[in-house]
């Protein structure tokens, strides 16, 4: 075992995170799940693979502090993998709403169904089987098998990339294949043959709590003596940042059709932004297109008010949303829903608009 791994594991035994909700220990004893003792002290126990898998998917592109509440609510509604597999997509997306990157939730749901149908409800333990499941890549598969089954597999999530890039002053950004390959080689080199599950958690913890993006706590780092960035005081220069691109702006109008205090929503296609979520009808934000959309929906509708334009930012662009509140005639035959009784997933901007609707719905009753 390398000095890097030894020092990291020694630190982990004293300072590693062991109180995250998905780290509850499933013991071989009849008591089953205990209330989270120190991971390093229970070699005969393992974590709940459903919880590990769910947390790893939620933690893609999302920080722990945000994920905890979502994880707790999600597992209350879907306590087991079987519960998730037999739920509707709308029910799953409703619990995911606000967490973003909704393909993760759809893939999670698809994977649960596959595991129930093809693996008898038991999470597969072969790497090739796991990586073939929807939404699971090389690093996520490695983390699941390492943390849940103590198998030796390498991970390379964002935290690990940052740690290794600083320790070795790796040039280039992760998006470059040569840089990514170098990081995988380093990650493989340091992953030990024993205590792999602890090492996996340890290096993620190091990146999340010590080797942070800004103001890393180098004086508390267990591998500071091995870190080239610390030695050369170049922590702020690594990892090499991705070249910045100016995000383009898009503008749309969201048409909030209201009848008797109820709102019209439709389910978006599975592919594309907010796939599978329920949303308002939208169109280009110009008078001609808006008028045409209004006439197509209800020729006798009338605009109540227009709310201030607000911005919602995606990974690749900014979306300017112009909300238009519209009153519909009583003989409108489209489907309307009580906004206070919704049990489906809605995008964050839509949820935000709905929360402001009380005063406007009263004008249409």
Protein backbone atom coordinates (compact mmCIF):
# COMPACT_ATOMS: atom_id res chain seq x y z
CA UNK A 1 0.00 0.00 0.00
CA UNK A 2 1.35 3.45 -0.94
CA UNK A 3 2.22 6.11 1.64
CA UNK A 4 -0.58 8.22 0.18
CA UNK A 5 -3.16 5.49 0.88
CA UNK A 6 -1.78 4.69 4.35
CA UNK A 7 -1.84 8.34 5.45
CA UNK A 8 -5.30 8.87 3.99
CA UNK A 9 -6.76 5.82 5.74
CA UNK A 10 -5.16 6.79 9.06
CA UNK A 11 -6.82 10.20 8.76
CA UNK A 12 -10.13 8.64 7.75
CA UNK A 13 -10.27 6.45 10.85
CA UNK A 14 -10.26 9.61 12.96
CA UNK A 15 -11.91 12.23 10.78
CA UNK A 16 -13.85 10.52 8.00
CA UNK A 17 -17.55 11.20 7.55
CA UNK A 18 -19.68 8.40 8.98
CA UNK A 19 -22.98 10.14 9.71
CA UNK A 20 -24.35 10.64 6.22
CA UNK A 21 -27.83 9.10 5.92
CA UNK A 22 -26.83 6.62 3.23
CA UNK A 23 -24.00 5.26 5.40
CA UNK A 24 -26.27 3.35 7.79
CA UNK A 25 -24.67 -0.02 8.41
CA UNK A 26 -26.46 -3.24 7.52
CA UNK A 27 -25.12 -5.83 9.92
CA UNK A 28 -25.01 -9.58 9.47
CA UNK A 29 -26.67 -9.87 12.87
CA UNK A 30 -30.47 -10.18 13.23
CA UNK A 31 -30.78 -6.53 14.21
CA UNK A 32 -30.08 -5.61 10.60
CA UNK A 33 -29.49 -1.90 10.14
CA UNK A 34 -27.76 -0.16 13.00
CA UNK A 35 -27.68 3.55 13.49
CA UNK A 36 -24.39 4.32 11.83
CA UNK A 37 -21.39 3.27 13.91
CA UNK A 38 -17.87 4.08 12.74
CA UNK A 39 -17.47 2.44 9.35
CA UNK A 40 -13.85 1.50 9.97
CA UNK A 41 -14.76 -0.49 13.06
CA UNK A 42 -17.22 -2.89 11.40
CA UNK A 43 -15.48 -5.07 8.87
CA UNK A 44 -18.30 -7.65 8.88
CA UNK A 45 -20.97 -5.10 7.97
CA UNK A 46 -21.94 -3.46 4.74
CA UNK A 47 -24.02 -0.48 3.71
CA UNK A 48 -27.41 -0.76 2.05
CA UNK A 49 -26.60 -0.98 -1.68
CA UNK A 50 -29.88 0.71 -2.64
CA UNK A 51 -28.97 3.69 -0.46
CA UNK A 52 -25.40 3.81 -1.78
CA UNK A 53 -26.55 3.65 -5.40
CA UNK A 54 -29.24 6.31 -4.83
CA UNK A 55 -26.79 8.64 -3.08
CA UNK A 56 -24.16 8.22 -5.79
CA UNK A 57 -26.68 9.18 -8.48
CA UNK A 58 -27.95 12.16 -6.47
CA UNK A 59 -24.39 13.32 -5.79
CA UNK A 60 -23.58 13.55 -9.48
CA UNK A 61 -23.37 17.31 -10.14
CA UNK A 62 -24.85 18.03 -6.68
CA UNK A 63 -23.24 18.69 -3.29
CA UNK A 64 -23.84 16.66 -0.15
CA UNK A 65 -25.54 19.49 1.75
CA UNK A 66 -28.22 19.70 -0.94
CA UNK A 67 -28.60 15.95 -1.39
CA UNK A 68 -29.24 15.00 2.25
CA UNK A 69 -32.80 16.34 2.45
CA UNK A 70 -33.70 14.95 -0.97
CA UNK A 71 -32.28 11.56 -0.04
CA UNK A 72 -34.25 11.42 3.21
CA UNK A 73 -37.53 12.40 1.53
CA UNK A 74 -36.94 10.04 -1.39
CA UNK A 75 -36.27 7.02 0.83
CA UNK A 76 -39.32 7.79 2.94
CA UNK A 77 -41.51 7.58 -0.16
CA UNK A 78 -39.54 4.71 -1.76
CA UNK A 79 -38.00 2.75 1.15
CA UNK A 80 -36.73 -0.09 -1.04
CA UNK A 81 -35.52 -0.67 -4.56
CA UNK A 82 -38.68 -2.69 -5.18
CA UNK A 83 -40.83 0.28 -4.14
CA UNK A 84 -38.95 2.46 -6.60
CA UNK A 85 -39.29 -0.04 -9.43
CA UNK A 86 -43.06 -0.28 -9.01
CA UNK A 87 -43.63 3.48 -8.72
CA UNK A 88 -44.81 5.63 -11.61
CA UNK A 89 -42.39 7.93 -13.37
CA UNK A 90 -44.46 10.92 -12.26
CA UNK A 91 -44.15 9.84 -8.62
CA UNK A 92 -40.38 9.49 -8.95
CA UNK A 93 -39.94 12.83 -10.68
CA UNK A 94 -42.15 14.51 -8.08
CA UNK A 95 -39.64 13.52 -5.38
CA UNK A 96 -36.71 14.57 -7.56
CA UNK A 97 -38.16 17.96 -8.54
CA UNK A 98 -35.73 20.77 -7.77
CA UNK A 99 -32.63 18.55 -7.70
CA UNK A 100 -32.01 19.10 -11.42
CA UNK A 101 -30.44 16.94 -14.13
CA UNK A 102 -33.67 14.96 -14.38
CA UNK A 103 -32.23 12.27 -16.64
CA UNK A 104 -30.67 10.96 -13.42
CA UNK A 105 -34.12 10.28 -11.96
CA UNK A 106 -35.44 8.68 -15.13
CA UNK A 107 -32.37 6.44 -15.36
CA UNK A 108 -32.66 5.57 -11.66
CA UNK A 109 -36.24 4.45 -12.27
CA UNK A 110 -35.28 2.45 -15.38
CA UNK A 111 -32.44 0.77 -13.51
CA UNK A 112 -34.72 -0.23 -10.62
CA UNK A 113 -37.09 -1.90 -13.08
CA UNK A 114 -34.20 -3.73 -14.78
CA UNK A 115 -32.87 -5.00 -11.44
CA UNK A 116 -36.30 -6.29 -10.43
CA UNK A 117 -37.00 -7.91 -13.81
CA UNK A 118 -33.55 -9.25 -14.71
CA UNK A 119 -31.79 -9.73 -11.37
CA UNK A 120 -34.65 -10.78 -9.11
CA UNK A 121 -34.55 -7.51 -7.22
CA UNK A 122 -30.94 -7.97 -6.11
CA UNK A 123 -28.39 -5.37 -7.15
CA UNK A 124 -25.81 -7.03 -9.47
CA UNK A 125 -22.27 -7.40 -8.17
CA UNK A 126 -20.35 -7.81 -11.43
CA UNK A 127 -18.73 -4.61 -12.70
CA UNK A 128 -19.78 -5.26 -16.33
CA UNK A 129 -23.38 -5.72 -15.25
CA UNK A 130 -23.42 -2.59 -13.12
CA UNK A 131 -21.82 -0.29 -15.69
CA UNK A 132 -24.36 -1.49 -18.28
CA UNK A 133 -27.25 -0.11 -16.19
CA UNK A 134 -28.77 3.26 -17.23
CA UNK A 135 -27.07 6.30 -15.71
CA UNK A 136 -24.11 4.41 -14.21
CA UNK A 137 -20.62 5.14 -15.52
CA UNK A 138 -17.21 3.78 -14.63
CA UNK A 139 -16.68 5.84 -11.48
CA UNK A 140 -20.21 5.41 -10.14
CA UNK A 141 -20.07 1.64 -10.71
CA UNK A 142 -16.75 1.50 -8.87
CA UNK A 143 -18.11 3.49 -5.93
CA UNK A 144 -21.22 1.32 -5.59
CA UNK A 145 -19.29 -1.96 -5.65
CA UNK A 146 -16.55 -0.67 -3.38
CA UNK A 147 -18.78 0.93 -0.74
CA UNK A 148 -21.48 -1.72 -0.76
CA UNK A 149 -19.59 -4.96 -1.39
CA UNK A 150 -15.97 -4.06 -0.48
CA UNK A 151 -14.76 -4.95 -3.95
CA UNK A 152 -11.58 -3.38 -5.26
CA UNK A 153 -12.64 -0.80 -7.83
CA UNK A 154 -11.35 2.66 -8.62
CA UNK A 155 -13.41 5.84 -8.51
CA UNK A 156 -12.77 9.20 -10.12
CA UNK A 157 -15.50 11.64 -9.18
CA UNK A 158 -15.04 15.41 -9.02
CA UNK A 159 -13.53 15.33 -5.53
CA UNK A 160 -10.98 12.69 -6.47
CA UNK A 161 -10.02 14.52 -9.65
CA UNK A 162 -9.35 17.67 -7.66
CA UNK A 163 -7.23 15.89 -5.03
CA UNK A 164 -5.08 14.04 -7.56
CA UNK A 165 -4.73 17.07 -9.83
CA UNK A 166 -3.31 19.07 -6.93
CA UNK A 167 -1.12 16.34 -5.50
CA UNK A 168 0.55 15.77 -8.88
CA UNK A 169 0.03 19.22 -10.44
CA UNK A 170 -1.71 17.58 -13.39
CA UNK A 171 -1.75 19.83 -16.43
CA UNK A 172 -4.80 20.14 -18.63
CA UNK A 173 -8.52 20.02 -17.92
CA UNK A 174 -10.54 16.86 -17.28
CA UNK A 175 -12.38 17.33 -20.56
CA UNK A 176 -9.13 16.50 -22.38
CA UNK A 177 -8.78 12.73 -22.83
CA UNK A 178 -5.02 12.72 -22.07
CA UNK A 179 -5.64 14.49 -18.73
CA UNK A 180 -8.52 12.19 -17.83
CA UNK A 181 -6.45 9.10 -18.66
CA UNK A 182 -3.61 10.36 -16.46
CA UNK A 183 -6.01 10.88 -13.56
CA UNK A 184 -7.46 7.38 -13.97
CA UNK A 185 -3.94 5.94 -13.90
CA UNK A 186 -3.17 7.81 -10.69
CA UNK A 187 -6.48 6.77 -9.14
CA UNK A 188 -5.79 3.12 -10.03
CA UNK A 189 -2.27 3.36 -8.60
CA UNK A 190 -3.45 4.61 -5.19
CA UNK A 191 -6.48 2.34 -4.76
CA UNK A 192 -5.32 -0.30 -2.26
CA UNK A 193 -6.06 -4.02 -2.33
CA UNK A 194 -7.43 -3.92 1.22
CA UNK A 195 -9.93 -1.56 2.88
CA UNK A 196 -10.95 -0.36 -0.56
CA UNK A 197 -14.38 0.70 0.71
CA UNK A 198 -12.76 2.87 3.38
CA UNK A 199 -10.25 4.32 0.93
CA UNK A 200 -13.07 5.14 -1.50
CA UNK A 201 -14.96 7.05 1.16
CA UNK A 202 -11.75 8.62 2.49
CA UNK A 203 -10.61 10.20 -0.77
CA UNK A 204 -14.12 11.53 -1.44
CA UNK A 205 -14.18 12.98 2.08
CA UNK A 206 -10.75 14.55 1.62
CA UNK A 207 -11.92 16.39 -1.49
CA UNK A 208 -15.25 17.40 0.03
CA UNK A 209 -14.00 18.66 3.40
CA UNK A 210 -10.28 19.50 3.11
CA UNK A 211 -9.14 19.79 -0.51
CA UNK A 212 -12.05 22.03 -1.46
CA UNK A 213 -12.34 24.08 -4.64
CA UNK A 214 -11.50 27.34 -2.89
CA UNK A 215 -9.47 27.92 0.26
CA UNK A 216 -8.35 24.30 0.77
CA UNK A 217 -7.42 23.51 4.39
CA UNK A 218 -3.89 22.31 3.63
CA UNK A 219 -2.75 22.54 7.25
CA UNK A 220 -5.31 19.82 8.08
CA UNK A 221 -4.54 17.62 5.09
CA UNK A 222 -3.23 14.11 5.83
CA UNK A 223 -1.21 14.02 2.61
CA UNK A 224 0.16 17.58 2.61
CA UNK A 225 3.73 16.23 2.68
CA UNK A 226 3.07 14.38 -0.60
CA UNK A 227 1.26 17.21 -2.38
CA UNK A 228 3.19 19.12 -5.03
CA UNK A 229 0.67 21.96 -5.03
CA UNK A 230 1.13 22.40 -1.31
CA UNK A 231 4.90 22.25 -1.67
CA UNK A 232 4.91 24.88 -4.42
CA UNK A 233 1.96 26.90 -3.07
CA UNK A 234 0.07 26.46 -6.36
CA UNK A 235 -3.20 25.19 -4.87
CA UNK A 236 -5.19 27.94 -6.57
CA UNK A 237 -3.78 26.96 -9.97
CA UNK A 238 -4.92 23.34 -9.84
CA UNK A 239 -7.01 21.72 -11.11
CA UNK A 240 -6.57 23.58 -14.39
CA UNK A 241 -9.88 25.36 -15.01
CA UNK A 242 -11.96 24.65 -18.05
CA UNK A 243 -11.75 27.47 -20.60
CA UNK A 244 -14.73 29.71 -20.01
CA UNK A 245 -17.40 30.05 -22.64
CA UNK A 246 -19.94 32.83 -22.66
CA UNK A 247 -23.35 31.28 -22.10
CA UNK A 248 -25.92 32.33 -24.71
CA UNK A 249 -29.33 33.67 -23.68
CA UNK A 250 -32.69 32.24 -24.71
CA UNK A 251 -36.06 33.83 -24.07
CA UNK A 252 -39.43 32.14 -23.76
CA UNK A 253 -42.90 32.99 -22.57
CA UNK A 254 -44.62 30.62 -20.15
CA UNK A 255 -48.39 30.75 -20.54
CA UNK A 256 -50.19 30.06 -17.27
CA UNK A 257 -53.76 29.22 -18.28
CA UNK A 258 -56.15 29.43 -15.31
CA UNK A 259 -59.78 28.37 -14.93
CA UNK A 260 -61.68 28.36 -11.63
CA UNK A 261 -58.43 28.61 -9.70
CA UNK A 262 -56.98 25.58 -11.50
CA UNK A 263 -54.01 25.65 -13.86
CA UNK A 264 -53.23 23.87 -17.09
CA UNK A 265 -50.07 21.73 -17.14
CA UNK A 266 -48.77 19.24 -19.66
CA UNK A 267 -46.18 16.49 -19.39
CA UNK A 268 -43.00 17.26 -21.29
CA UNK A 269 -41.36 14.66 -23.56
CA UNK A 270 -38.86 12.35 -21.85
CA UNK A 271 -35.98 13.75 -23.90
CA UNK A 272 -34.82 17.34 -23.69
CA UNK A 273 -34.77 19.79 -20.80
CA UNK A 274 -37.03 18.96 -17.86
CA UNK A 275 -37.80 15.64 -19.52
CA UNK A 276 -40.87 13.92 -18.07
CA UNK A 277 -41.80 16.85 -15.82
CA UNK A 278 -45.05 18.80 -15.95
CA UNK A 279 -44.89 22.36 -17.18
CA UNK A 280 -46.80 25.31 -18.60
CA UNK A 281 -47.21 25.77 -22.31
CA UNK A 282 -44.33 27.86 -23.62
CA UNK A 283 -43.50 29.72 -26.81
CA UNK A 284 -41.12 32.34 -28.13
CA UNK A 285 -41.34 35.59 -26.25
CA UNK A 286 -42.71 37.87 -28.92
CA UNK A 287 -46.25 39.30 -29.32
CA UNK A 288 -47.10 37.48 -32.55
CA UNK A 289 -46.12 34.03 -31.27
CA UNK A 290 -47.79 34.62 -27.90
CA UNK A 291 -51.08 35.72 -29.51
CA UNK A 292 -51.06 32.69 -31.79
CA UNK A 293 -50.48 30.33 -28.85
CA UNK A 294 -53.29 31.97 -26.87
CA UNK A 295 -55.75 31.64 -29.76
CA UNK A 296 -54.83 28.01 -30.36
CA UNK A 297 -55.44 27.12 -26.72
CA UNK A 298 -58.60 29.16 -26.10
CA UNK A 299 -59.86 31.81 -28.56
CA UNK A 300 -61.83 33.55 -25.81
CA UNK A 301 -59.06 33.66 -23.18
CA UNK A 302 -57.72 36.95 -21.88
CA UNK A 303 -54.44 38.03 -20.34
CA UNK A 304 -54.72 38.95 -16.66
CA UNK A 305 -51.17 40.13 -16.06
CA UNK A 306 -47.56 39.63 -17.01
CA UNK A 307 -45.01 38.93 -14.30
CA UNK A 308 -41.46 40.31 -14.36
CA UNK A 309 -39.01 38.37 -16.51
CA UNK A 310 -36.65 36.15 -14.49
CA UNK A 311 -33.59 34.12 -15.40
CA UNK A 312 -33.02 30.38 -14.98
CA UNK A 313 -29.52 29.12 -15.73
CA UNK A 314 -28.66 25.76 -17.26
CA UNK A 315 -25.20 24.29 -17.78
CA UNK A 316 -24.92 25.64 -21.30
CA UNK A 317 -27.23 28.66 -21.48
CA UNK A 318 -29.38 31.19 -19.62
CA UNK A 319 -33.15 31.02 -20.02
CA UNK A 320 -35.15 34.25 -19.62
CA UNK A 321 -38.73 33.40 -18.67
CA UNK A 322 -41.62 35.79 -19.23
CA UNK A 323 -44.65 34.58 -17.27
CA UNK A 324 -48.07 35.47 -18.67
CA UNK A 325 -51.15 34.75 -16.53
CA UNK A 326 -54.20 33.99 -18.68
CA UNK A 327 -57.86 33.54 -17.75
CA UNK A 328 -59.70 30.82 -19.70
CA UNK A 329 -63.40 30.56 -20.53
CA UNK A 330 -65.63 28.14 -18.65
CA UNK A 331 -66.21 25.99 -21.74
CA UNK A 332 -62.49 25.32 -22.20
CA UNK A 333 -62.05 21.54 -22.46
CA UNK A 334 -58.34 21.28 -21.68
CA UNK A 335 -57.33 19.58 -18.44
CA UNK A 336 -56.72 21.80 -15.42
CA UNK A 337 -55.22 20.95 -12.02
CA UNK A 338 -55.54 22.30 -8.52
CA UNK A 339 -52.09 23.87 -7.90
CA UNK A 340 -52.32 23.04 -4.18
CA UNK A 341 -52.85 19.33 -4.79
CA UNK A 342 -50.18 18.58 -7.37
CA UNK A 343 -48.41 15.24 -6.94
CA UNK A 344 -46.25 15.40 -10.06
CA UNK A 345 -42.75 16.73 -10.68
CA UNK A 346 -42.41 20.27 -11.97
CA UNK A 347 -39.26 22.21 -12.97
CA UNK A 348 -38.00 24.71 -10.44
CA UNK A 349 -39.14 27.77 -12.45
CA UNK A 350 -42.63 26.28 -12.77
CA UNK A 351 -42.78 25.54 -9.03
CA UNK A 352 -41.68 29.12 -8.36
CA UNK A 353 -44.42 30.53 -10.58
CA UNK A 354 -47.07 28.28 -9.01
CA UNK A 355 -46.10 29.56 -5.54
CA UNK A 356 -46.95 33.11 -6.69
CA UNK A 357 -50.31 32.29 -8.24
CA UNK A 358 -52.73 32.68 -5.32
CA UNK A 359 -53.46 36.33 -5.89
CA UNK A 360 -53.88 35.79 -9.62
CA UNK A 361 -56.10 32.72 -9.43
CA UNK A 362 -58.54 34.64 -7.22
CA UNK A 363 -59.11 37.07 -10.06
CA UNK A 364 -60.38 34.27 -12.29
CA UNK A 365 -62.88 32.69 -9.88
